[in-house]
C-alpha cells in the first residue's frame, strides 16, 4: 500500500540558498529508487522559513530503505550541518478505518 512521507524543515533565511539545492539533490536521487512515486517541496506562506516535502512511495519498506541509504545519509548530513535537527517526519498511508468505508 502506498505511503506518504511528510518531512518538515525549518530553514533560516540566511541558509535557504544553500539548503534548497540539497533538497533538489535528494529528489533527483529518489527518482531512481525502487518504489518512489512522486515528491513535492512546498514553502509555508505564513511561516516562510518552514518547508514541507511530500514524498510518496509504493511501500513503507521502500521509504525505509531510502531513508537509511548511504547516499541519503550523506546529503542529509549536509542539510543538518546547515539547519541543525529542525526536521520532523510523519508517515501516512491511504488505508481508512473500516467505519469510514461504510455508508
Protein backbone atom coordinates (compact mmCIF):
# COMPACT_ATOMS: atom_id res chain seq x y z
CA UNK A 1 0.00 0.00 0.00
CA UNK A 2 1.32 3.45 -0.91
CA UNK A 3 2.63 5.68 1.86
CA UNK A 4 3.10 9.43 2.03
CA UNK A 5 6.04 10.82 3.95
CA UNK A 6 5.88 14.40 5.23
CA UNK A 7 9.22 15.98 6.06
CA UNK A 8 9.07 19.38 7.72
CA UNK A 9 12.19 21.50 8.00
CA UNK A 10 12.80 24.96 9.39
CA UNK A 11 15.35 26.77 7.25
CA UNK A 12 16.64 30.16 8.42
CA UNK A 13 16.53 32.78 5.68
CA UNK A 14 20.32 33.05 5.51
CA UNK A 15 20.59 29.27 4.83
CA UNK A 16 17.96 28.91 2.08
CA UNK A 17 20.34 29.40 -0.88
CA UNK A 18 22.49 26.51 0.35
CA UNK A 19 19.67 24.25 1.61
CA UNK A 20 17.32 24.24 -1.39
CA UNK A 21 19.89 22.75 -3.80
CA UNK A 22 20.39 19.93 -1.28
CA UNK A 23 16.61 19.31 -1.20
CA UNK A 24 16.67 19.11 -5.02
CA UNK A 25 19.63 16.74 -4.88
CA UNK A 26 17.66 14.38 -2.62
CA UNK A 27 14.74 14.50 -5.05
CA UNK A 28 16.99 13.66 -8.02
CA UNK A 29 18.47 10.74 -6.12
CA UNK A 30 14.96 9.45 -5.33
CA UNK A 31 13.99 9.23 -8.98
CA UNK A 32 15.98 6.02 -9.45
CA UNK A 33 14.94 4.41 -6.16
CA UNK A 34 12.66 1.37 -6.23
CA UNK A 35 9.18 2.30 -5.03
CA UNK A 36 9.48 6.06 -5.43
CA UNK A 37 6.29 7.54 -6.90
CA UNK A 38 6.43 11.31 -6.53
CA UNK A 39 7.51 14.26 -4.45
CA UNK A 40 6.96 17.97 -3.95
CA UNK A 41 8.68 20.66 -1.92
CA UNK A 42 6.48 23.41 -0.51
CA UNK A 43 7.19 26.62 1.40
CA UNK A 44 4.71 27.74 4.01
CA UNK A 45 3.24 31.15 3.21
CA UNK A 46 2.60 32.35 6.75
CA UNK A 47 5.96 30.99 8.00
CA UNK A 48 8.39 31.39 5.09
CA UNK A 49 11.21 29.62 6.93
CA UNK A 50 9.18 26.39 7.05
CA UNK A 51 9.46 23.87 4.21
CA UNK A 52 7.43 20.71 3.69
CA UNK A 53 8.50 17.82 1.47
CA UNK A 54 5.73 15.44 0.45
CA UNK A 55 7.13 12.15 -0.80
CA UNK A 56 5.03 9.20 -1.99
CA UNK A 57 6.34 5.63 -2.03
CA UNK A 58 4.80 2.33 -3.08
CA UNK A 59 5.67 0.64 0.22
CA UNK A 60 6.84 1.76 3.64
CA UNK A 61 9.80 -0.59 3.20
CA UNK A 62 10.82 1.33 0.04
CA UNK A 63 10.89 4.56 2.04
CA UNK A 64 12.83 2.97 4.91
CA UNK A 65 15.47 1.63 2.51
CA UNK A 66 15.86 5.10 1.02
CA UNK A 67 15.88 6.76 4.45
CA UNK A 68 18.76 4.55 5.60
CA UNK A 69 20.71 4.57 2.33
CA UNK A 70 24.25 5.92 2.35
CA UNK A 71 23.52 8.45 -0.43
CA UNK A 72 20.63 9.96 1.52
CA UNK A 73 22.59 9.98 4.77
CA UNK A 74 25.40 11.95 3.09
CA UNK A 75 23.09 14.67 1.76
CA UNK A 76 21.03 14.72 4.96
CA UNK A 77 24.24 15.28 6.95
CA UNK A 78 24.93 18.37 4.82
CA UNK A 79 21.40 19.63 5.46
CA UNK A 80 21.79 19.05 9.20
CA UNK A 81 25.08 20.92 9.22
CA UNK A 82 23.22 23.93 7.79
CA UNK A 83 19.95 23.90 9.72
CA UNK A 84 20.51 21.59 12.67
CA UNK A 85 17.98 18.99 13.73
CA UNK A 86 14.89 21.07 12.91
CA UNK A 87 13.43 18.15 10.95
CA UNK A 88 10.15 16.34 11.59
CA UNK A 89 8.99 13.16 9.83
CA UNK A 90 5.41 11.89 9.56
CA UNK A 91 4.28 8.75 7.74
CA UNK A 92 0.75 8.30 6.36
CA UNK A 93 -0.97 5.62 4.35
CA UNK A 94 -4.15 5.52 2.30
CA UNK A 95 -5.85 2.92 4.45
CA UNK A 96 -9.02 4.26 6.01
CA UNK A 97 -10.65 2.77 9.10
CA UNK A 98 -13.40 0.32 8.28
CA UNK A 99 -16.11 2.59 9.73
CA UNK A 100 -15.15 5.30 7.21
CA UNK A 101 -15.91 2.97 4.33
CA UNK A 102 -19.46 2.26 5.48
CA UNK A 103 -22.35 4.38 4.28
